[in-house]
């Protein structure tokens, strides 16, 4: 179950976070495309919700949240 802060996220929260989101490591299996940028799903959602990296929200829950907002979600680079 995602945390309450993640559950309360809006599409605008994701769009606002994307503007300053920086990821320097290798992309994980689950990614999303926001404003033509491919970004890691779970880290983006956690940062947008302002929760720590050890938050109980898992990648599948983050994927569902982003899909619900209409963002393209990819698994290993392929759209799902």
PDB file of N, CA and C in Angstrom:
ATOM      1  N   UNK A   1       0.849  -1.187   0.000  1.00  0.00           N
ATOM      2  CA  UNK A   1       0.000   0.000   0.000  1.00  0.00           C
ATOM      3  C   UNK A   1       0.888   1.241   0.000  1.00  0.00           C
ATOM      4  N   UNK A   2       0.638   2.178  -0.931  1.00  0.00           N
ATOM      5  CA  UNK A   2       1.454   3.395  -0.950  1.00  0.00           C
ATOM      6  C   UNK A   2       1.184   4.257   0.285  1.00  0.00           C
ATOM      7  N   UNK A   3       2.175   5.053   0.645  1.00  0.00           N
ATOM      8  CA  UNK A   3       1.999   5.931   1.800  1.00  0.00           C
ATOM      9  C   UNK A   3       0.927   6.977   1.489  1.00  0.00           C
ATOM     10  N   UNK A   4       0.427   7.635   2.517  1.00  0.00           N
ATOM     11  CA  UNK A   4      -0.636   8.626   2.341  1.00  0.00           C
ATOM     12  C   UNK A   4      -0.189   9.781   1.454  1.00  0.00           C
ATOM     13  N   UNK A   5       1.062  10.217   1.603  1.00  0.00           N
ATOM     14  CA  UNK A   5       1.548  11.319   0.777  1.00  0.00           C
ATOM     15  C   UNK A   5       1.601  10.922  -0.694  1.00  0.00           C
ATOM     16  N   UNK A   6       2.013   9.695  -0.974  1.00  0.00           N
ATOM     17  CA  UNK A   6       2.049   9.216  -2.360  1.00  0.00           C
ATOM     18  C   UNK A   6       0.627   9.090  -2.889  1.00  0.00           C
ATOM     19  N   UNK A   7      -0.261   8.591  -2.072  1.00  0.00           N
ATOM     20  CA  UNK A   7      -1.656   8.424  -2.468  1.00  0.00           C
ATOM     21  C   UNK A   7      -2.303   9.772  -2.803  1.00  0.00           C
ATOM     22  N   UNK A   8      -1.857  10.842  -2.152  1.00  0.00           N
ATOM     23  CA  UNK A   8      -2.440  12.173  -2.350  1.00  0.00           C
ATOM     24  C   UNK A   8      -1.808  12.955  -3.509  1.00  0.00           C
ATOM     25  N   UNK A   9      -0.824  12.388  -4.179  1.00  0.00           N
ATOM     26  CA  UNK A   9      -0.150  13.088  -5.282  1.00  0.00           C
ATOM     27  C   UNK A   9      -1.119  13.481  -6.392  1.00  0.00           C
ATOM     28  N   UNK A  10      -0.784  14.576  -7.065  1.00  0.00           N
ATOM     29  CA  UNK A  10      -1.547  15.008  -8.236  1.00  0.00           C
ATOM     30  C   UNK A  10      -0.629  15.023  -9.455  1.00  0.00           C
ATOM     31  N   UNK A  11      -1.219  15.118 -10.620  1.00  0.00           N
ATOM     32  CA  UNK A  11      -0.429  15.202 -11.848  1.00  0.00           C
ATOM     33  C   UNK A  11       0.449  16.445 -11.813  1.00  0.00           C
ATOM     34  N   UNK A  12      -0.063  17.534 -11.279  1.00  0.00           N
ATOM     35  CA  UNK A  12       0.718  18.770 -11.176  1.00  0.00           C
ATOM     36  C   UNK A  12       1.948  18.590 -10.287  1.00  0.00           C
ATOM     37  N   UNK A  13       1.827  17.779  -9.232  1.00  0.00           N
ATOM     38  CA  UNK A  13       2.985  17.496  -8.369  1.00  0.00           C
ATOM     39  C   UNK A  13       4.089  16.824  -9.177  1.00  0.00           C
ATOM     40  N   UNK A  14       3.716  15.881 -10.029  1.00  0.00           N
ATOM     41  CA  UNK A  14       4.696  15.174 -10.864  1.00  0.00           C
ATOM     42  C   UNK A  14       5.340  16.145 -11.843  1.00  0.00           C
ATOM     43  N   UNK A  15       4.538  16.956 -12.499  1.00  0.00           N
ATOM     44  CA  UNK A  15       5.065  17.912 -13.480  1.00  0.00           C
ATOM     45  C   UNK A  15       5.983  18.938 -12.823  1.00  0.00           C
ATOM     46  N   UNK A  16       5.637  19.372 -11.636  1.00  0.00           N
ATOM     47  CA  UNK A  16       6.465  20.339 -10.909  1.00  0.00           C
ATOM     48  C   UNK A  16       7.795  19.706 -10.497  1.00  0.00           C
ATOM     49  N   UNK A  17       7.759  18.477 -10.052  1.00  0.00           N
ATOM     50  CA  UNK A  17       8.962  17.774  -9.613  1.00  0.00           C
ATOM     51  C   UNK A  17       9.884  17.483 -10.791  1.00  0.00           C
ATOM     52  N   UNK A  18       9.329  17.146 -11.926  1.00  0.00           N
ATOM     53  CA  UNK A  18      10.132  16.811 -13.114  1.00  0.00           C
ATOM     54  C   UNK A  18      11.071  17.938 -13.500  1.00  0.00           C
ATOM     55  N   UNK A  19      10.646  19.170 -13.318  1.00  0.00           N
ATOM     56  CA  UNK A  19      11.452  20.320 -13.734  1.00  0.00           C
ATOM     57  C   UNK A  19      12.824  20.350 -13.064  1.00  0.00           C
ATOM     58  N   UNK A  20      12.901  19.933 -11.800  1.00  0.00           N
ATOM     59  CA  UNK A  20      14.166  19.974 -11.056  1.00  0.00           C
ATOM     60  C   UNK A  20      14.726  18.598 -10.739  1.00  0.00           C
ATOM     61  N   UNK A  21      14.101  17.558 -11.282  1.00  0.00           N
ATOM     62  CA  UNK A  21      14.535  16.193 -10.967  1.00  0.00           C
ATOM     63  C   UNK A  21      15.830  15.863 -11.691  1.00  0.00           C
ATOM     64  N   UNK A  22      16.791  15.371 -10.954  1.00  0.00           N
ATOM     65  CA  UNK A  22      18.074  14.965 -11.529  1.00  0.00           C
ATOM     66  C   UNK A  22      18.338  13.498 -11.179  1.00  0.00           C
ATOM     67  N   UNK A  23      18.718  12.736 -12.198  1.00  0.00           N
ATOM     68  CA  UNK A  23      19.040  11.315 -12.001  1.00  0.00           C
ATOM     69  C   UNK A  23      20.335  11.051 -12.740  1.00  0.00           C
ATOM     70  N   UNK A  24      21.380  10.682 -12.019  1.00  0.00           N
ATOM     71  CA  UNK A  24      22.683  10.476 -12.642  1.00  0.00           C
ATOM     72  C   UNK A  24      23.075   9.007 -12.729  1.00  0.00           C
ATOM     73  N   UNK A  25      22.276   8.159 -12.126  1.00  0.00           N
ATOM     74  CA  UNK A  25      22.583   6.728 -12.175  1.00  0.00           C
ATOM     75  C   UNK A  25      21.894   6.088 -13.372  1.00  0.00           C
ATOM     76  N   UNK A  26      22.207   4.815 -13.569  1.00  0.00           N
ATOM     77  CA  UNK A  26      21.580   4.041 -14.642  1.00  0.00           C
ATOM     78  C   UNK A  26      20.075   3.966 -14.374  1.00  0.00           C
ATOM     79  N   UNK A  27      19.287   4.071 -15.442  1.00  0.00           N
ATOM     80  CA  UNK A  27      17.837   3.998 -15.269  1.00  0.00           C
ATOM     81  C   UNK A  27      17.426   2.587 -14.852  1.00  0.00           C
ATOM     82  N   UNK A  28      16.481   2.498 -13.926  1.00  0.00           N
ATOM     83  CA  UNK A  28      15.980   1.178 -13.517  1.00  0.00           C
ATOM     84  C   UNK A  28      15.053   0.606 -14.591  1.00  0.00           C
ATOM     85  N   UNK A  29      14.497  -0.569 -14.327  1.00  0.00           N
ATOM     86  CA  UNK A  29      13.622  -1.222 -15.306  1.00  0.00           C
ATOM     87  C   UNK A  29      12.365  -0.409 -15.589  1.00  0.00           C
ATOM     88  N   UNK A  30      11.760   0.143 -14.547  1.00  0.00           N
ATOM     89  CA  UNK A  30      10.533   0.923 -14.718  1.00  0.00           C
ATOM     90  C   UNK A  30      10.861   2.397 -14.878  1.00  0.00           C
ATOM     91  N   UNK A  31      10.424   2.975 -16.001  1.00  0.00           N
ATOM     92  CA  UNK A  31      10.635   4.405 -16.250  1.00  0.00           C
ATOM     93  C   UNK A  31       9.331   5.031 -16.750  1.00  0.00           C
ATOM     94  N   UNK A  32       9.320   6.349 -16.754  1.00  0.00           N
ATOM     95  CA  UNK A  32       8.181   7.086 -17.277  1.00  0.00           C
ATOM     96  C   UNK A  32       8.702   8.228 -18.136  1.00  0.00           C
ATOM     97  N   UNK A  33       7.861   8.722 -19.011  1.00  0.00           N
ATOM     98  CA  UNK A  33       8.242   9.852 -19.854  1.00  0.00           C
ATOM     99  C   UNK A  33       7.398  11.056 -19.442  1.00  0.00           C
ATOM    100  N   UNK A  34       8.100  12.101 -18.988  1.00  0.00           N
ATOM    101  CA  UNK A  34       7.447  13.348 -18.588  1.00  0.00           C
ATOM    102  C   UNK A  34       8.164  14.473 -19.322  1.00  0.00           C
ATOM    103  N   UNK A  35       7.417  15.234 -20.101  1.00  0.00           N
ATOM    104  CA  UNK A  35       7.995  16.333 -20.888  1.00  0.00           C
ATOM    105  C   UNK A  35       9.208  15.871 -21.704  1.00  0.00           C
ATOM    106  N   UNK A  36       9.040  14.737 -22.380  1.00  0.00           N
ATOM    107  CA  UNK A  36      10.079  14.167 -23.255  1.00  0.00           C
ATOM    108  C   UNK A  36      11.337  13.724 -22.523  1.00  0.00           C
ATOM    109  N   UNK A  37      11.262  13.542 -21.213  1.00  0.00           N
ATOM    110  CA  UNK A  37      12.396  13.041 -20.431  1.00  0.00           C
ATOM    111  C   UNK A  37      12.031  11.667 -19.874  1.00  0.00           C
ATOM    112  N   UNK A  38      12.926  10.706 -20.052  1.00  0.00           N
ATOM    113  CA  UNK A  38      12.706   9.387 -19.469  1.00  0.00           C
ATOM    114  C   UNK A  38      13.302   9.391 -18.063  1.00  0.00           C
ATOM    115  N   UNK A  39      12.461   9.107 -17.083  1.00  0.00           N
ATOM    116  CA  UNK A  39      12.849   9.201 -15.675  1.00  0.00           C
ATOM    117  C   UNK A  39      12.469   7.932 -14.923  1.00  0.00           C
ATOM    118  N   UNK A  40      13.164   7.634 -13.820  1.00  0.00           N
ATOM    119  CA  UNK A  40      12.829   6.461 -13.023  1.00  0.00           C
ATOM    120  C   UNK A  40      11.506   6.672 -12.287  1.00  0.00           C
ATOM    121  N   UNK A  41      10.629   5.701 -12.374  1.00  0.00           N
ATOM    122  CA  UNK A  41       9.276   5.814 -11.832  1.00  0.00           C
ATOM    123  C   UNK A  41       9.261   6.060 -10.322  1.00  0.00           C
ATOM    124  N   UNK A  42       9.786   5.118  -9.561  1.00  0.00           N
ATOM    125  CA  UNK A  42       9.657   5.201  -8.101  1.00  0.00           C
ATOM    126  C   UNK A  42      10.378   6.417  -7.515  1.00  0.00           C
ATOM    127  N   UNK A  43      11.640   6.684  -7.887  1.00  0.00           N
ATOM    128  CA  UNK A  43      12.296   7.876  -7.330  1.00  0.00           C
ATOM    129  C   UNK A  43      11.558   9.177  -7.657  1.00  0.00           C
ATOM    130  N   UNK A  44      11.004   9.282  -8.848  1.00  0.00           N
ATOM    131  CA  UNK A  44      10.258  10.481  -9.213  1.00  0.00           C
ATOM    132  C   UNK A  44       9.023  10.636  -8.331  1.00  0.00           C
ATOM    133  N   UNK A  45       8.279   9.568  -8.166  1.00  0.00           N
ATOM    134  CA  UNK A  45       7.064   9.615  -7.343  1.00  0.00           C
ATOM    135  C   UNK A  45       7.407   9.927  -5.883  1.00  0.00           C
ATOM    136  N   UNK A  46       8.449   9.292  -5.362  1.00  0.00           N
ATOM    137  CA  UNK A  46       8.817   9.544  -3.969  1.00  0.00           C
ATOM    138  C   UNK A  46       9.263  10.978  -3.755  1.00  0.00           C
ATOM    139  N   UNK A  47      10.019  11.517  -4.693  1.00  0.00           N
ATOM    140  CA  UNK A  47      10.449  12.904  -4.555  1.00  0.00           C
ATOM    141  C   UNK A  47       9.250  13.852  -4.662  1.00  0.00           C
ATOM    142  N   UNK A  48       8.350  13.571  -5.574  1.00  0.00           N
ATOM    143  CA  UNK A  48       7.161  14.419  -5.735  1.00  0.00           C
ATOM    144  C   UNK A  48       6.308  14.419  -4.465  1.00  0.00           C
ATOM    145  N   UNK A  49       6.288  13.284  -3.775  1.00  0.00           N
ATOM    146  CA  UNK A  49       5.501  13.169  -2.541  1.00  0.00           C
ATOM    147  C   UNK A  49       6.273  13.661  -1.319  1.00  0.00           C
ATOM    148  N   UNK A  50       7.553  13.976  -1.513  1.00  0.00           N
ATOM    149  CA  UNK A  50       8.416  14.432  -0.420  1.00  0.00           C
ATOM    150  C   UNK A  50       8.486  13.400   0.712  1.00  0.00           C
ATOM    151  N   UNK A  51       8.754  12.158   0.299  1.00  0.00           N
ATOM    152  CA  UNK A  51       8.940  11.075   1.266  1.00  0.00           C
ATOM    153  C   UNK A  51      10.340  10.493   1.082  1.00  0.00           C
ATOM    154  N   UNK A  52      10.878   9.833   2.113  1.00  0.00           N
ATOM    155  CA  UNK A  52      12.235   9.281   2.013  1.00  0.00           C
ATOM    156  C   UNK A  52      12.304   8.073   1.077  1.00  0.00           C
ATOM    157  N   UNK A  53      13.512   7.728   0.623  1.00  0.00           N
ATOM    158  CA  UNK A  53      13.682   6.590  -0.288  1.00  0.00           C
ATOM    159  C   UNK A  53      13.238   5.242   0.289  1.00  0.00           C
ATOM    160  N   UNK A  54      13.155   5.144   1.611  1.00  0.00           N
ATOM    161  CA  UNK A  54      12.725   3.878   2.215  1.00  0.00           C
ATOM    162  C   UNK A  54      11.209   3.823   2.426  1.00  0.00           C
ATOM    163  N   UNK A  55      10.476   4.729   1.798  1.00  0.00           N
ATOM    164  CA  UNK A  55       9.015   4.717   1.856  1.00  0.00           C
ATOM    165  C   UNK A  55       8.502   3.366   1.362  1.00  0.00           C
ATOM    166  N   UNK A  56       7.417   2.847   1.933  1.00  0.00           N
ATOM    167  CA  UNK A  56       6.931   1.513   1.541  1.00  0.00           C
ATOM    168  C   UNK A  56       6.307   1.433   0.148  1.00  0.00           C
ATOM    169  N   UNK A  57       6.135   2.546  -0.531  1.00  0.00           N
ATOM    170  CA  UNK A  57       5.564   2.526  -1.877  1.00  0.00           C
ATOM    171  C   UNK A  57       6.507   1.762  -2.811  1.00  0.00           C
ATOM    172  N   UNK A  58       5.965   0.748  -3.506  1.00  0.00           N
ATOM    173  CA  UNK A  58       6.827  -0.022  -4.410  1.00  0.00           C
ATOM    174  C   UNK A  58       6.680   0.469  -5.852  1.00  0.00           C
ATOM    175  N   UNK A  59       7.496  -0.060  -6.722  1.00  0.00           N
ATOM    176  CA  UNK A  59       7.516   0.382  -8.122  1.00  0.00           C
ATOM    177  C   UNK A  59       6.173   0.178  -8.805  1.00  0.00           C
ATOM    178  N   UNK A  60       5.513  -0.936  -8.533  1.00  0.00           N
ATOM    179  CA  UNK A  60       4.233  -1.217  -9.179  1.00  0.00           C
ATOM    180  C   UNK A  60       3.168  -0.208  -8.764  1.00  0.00           C
ATOM    181  N   UNK A  61       3.201   0.215  -7.519  1.00  0.00           N
ATOM    182  CA  UNK A  61       2.257   1.229  -7.050  1.00  0.00           C
ATOM    183  C   UNK A  61       2.563   2.581  -7.693  1.00  0.00           C
ATOM    184  N   UNK A  62       3.847   2.896  -7.826  1.00  0.00           N
ATOM    185  CA  UNK A  62       4.247   4.143  -8.481  1.00  0.00           C
ATOM    186  C   UNK A  62       3.854   4.120  -9.955  1.00  0.00           C
ATOM    187  N   UNK A  63       4.026   2.979 -10.611  1.00  0.00           N
ATOM    188  CA  UNK A  63       3.629   2.825 -12.011  1.00  0.00           C
ATOM    189  C   UNK A  63       2.126   3.072 -12.148  1.00  0.00           C
ATOM    190  N   UNK A  64       1.339   2.466 -11.281  1.00  0.00           N
ATOM    191  CA  UNK A  64      -0.118   2.626 -11.341  1.00  0.00           C
ATOM    192  C   UNK A  64      -0.507   4.091 -11.172  1.00  0.00           C
ATOM    193  N   UNK A  65       0.160   4.782 -10.275  1.00  0.00           N
ATOM    194  CA  UNK A  65      -0.123   6.200 -10.040  1.00  0.00           C
ATOM    195  C   UNK A  65       0.149   7.005 -11.311  1.00  0.00           C
ATOM    196  N   UNK A  66       1.303   6.792 -11.923  1.00  0.00           N
ATOM    197  CA  UNK A  66       1.672   7.546 -13.122  1.00  0.00           C
ATOM    198  C   UNK A  66       0.787   7.198 -14.317  1.00  0.00           C
ATOM    199  N   UNK A  67       0.454   5.933 -14.467  1.00  0.00           N
ATOM    200  CA  UNK A  67      -0.461   5.528 -15.546  1.00  0.00           C
ATOM    201  C   UNK A  67      -1.821   6.198 -15.357  1.00  0.00           C
ATOM    202  N   UNK A  68      -2.257   6.275 -14.109  1.00  0.00           N
ATOM    203  CA  UNK A  68      -3.534   6.927 -13.811  1.00  0.00           C
ATOM    204  C   UNK A  68      -3.557   8.391 -14.209  1.00  0.00           C
ATOM    205  N   UNK A  69      -2.390   9.026 -14.199  1.00  0.00           N
ATOM    206  CA  UNK A  69      -2.281  10.422 -14.618  1.00  0.00           C
ATOM    207  C   UNK A  69      -2.099  10.556 -16.126  1.00  0.00           C
ATOM    208  N   UNK A  70      -1.965   9.422 -16.819  1.00  0.00           N
ATOM    209  CA  UNK A  70      -1.827   9.443 -18.267  1.00  0.00           C
ATOM    210  C   UNK A  70      -0.402   9.514 -18.785  1.00  0.00           C
ATOM    211  N   UNK A  71       0.585   9.312 -17.908  1.00  0.00           N
ATOM    212  CA  UNK A  71       1.975   9.331 -18.361  1.00  0.00           C
ATOM    213  C   UNK A  71       2.328   8.000 -19.007  1.00  0.00           C
ATOM    214  N   UNK A  72       3.201   8.060 -20.018  1.00  0.00           N
ATOM    215  CA  UNK A  72       3.709   6.839 -20.638  1.00  0.00           C
ATOM    216  C   UNK A  72       4.631   6.149 -19.645  1.00  0.00           C
ATOM    217  N   UNK A  73       4.452   4.853 -19.482  1.00  0.00           N
ATOM    218  CA  UNK A  73       5.289   4.065 -18.598  1.00  0.00           C
ATOM    219  C   UNK A  73       5.992   3.001 -19.425  1.00  0.00           C
ATOM    220  N   UNK A  74       7.267   2.792 -19.157  1.00  0.00           N
ATOM    221  CA  UNK A  74       8.070   1.816 -19.892  1.00  0.00           C
ATOM    222  C   UNK A  74       8.686   0.794 -18.932  1.00  0.00           C
ATOM    223  N   UNK A  75       8.843  -0.416 -19.450  1.00  0.00           N
ATOM    224  CA  UNK A  75       9.568  -1.468 -18.725  1.00  0.00           C
ATOM    225  C   UNK A  75      10.730  -1.872 -19.600  1.00  0.00           C
ATOM    226  N   UNK A  76      11.923  -1.679 -19.082  1.00  0.00           N
ATOM    227  CA  UNK A  76      13.154  -1.941 -19.838  1.00  0.00           C
ATOM    228  C   UNK A  76      13.117  -1.258 -21.205  1.00  0.00           C
ATOM    229  N   UNK A  77      12.631  -0.014 -21.221  1.00  0.00           N
ATOM    230  CA  UNK A  77      12.639   0.798 -22.438  1.00  0.00           C
ATOM    231  C   UNK A  77      11.470   0.602 -23.377  1.00  0.00           C
ATOM    232  N   UNK A  78      10.607  -0.370 -23.086  1.00  0.00           N
ATOM    233  CA  UNK A  78       9.462  -0.644 -23.963  1.00  0.00           C
ATOM    234  C   UNK A  78       8.164  -0.180 -23.305  1.00  0.00           C
ATOM    235  N   UNK A  79       7.342   0.530 -24.074  1.00  0.00           N
ATOM    236  CA  UNK A  79       6.061   1.012 -23.554  1.00  0.00           C
ATOM    237  C   UNK A  79       5.175  -0.148 -23.113  1.00  0.00           C
ATOM    238  N   UNK A  80       4.503   0.050 -21.993  1.00  0.00           N
ATOM    239  CA  UNK A  80       3.583  -0.977 -21.489  1.00  0.00           C
ATOM    240  C   UNK A  80       2.174  -0.429 -21.409  1.00  0.00           C
TER     241      UNK A  80
END
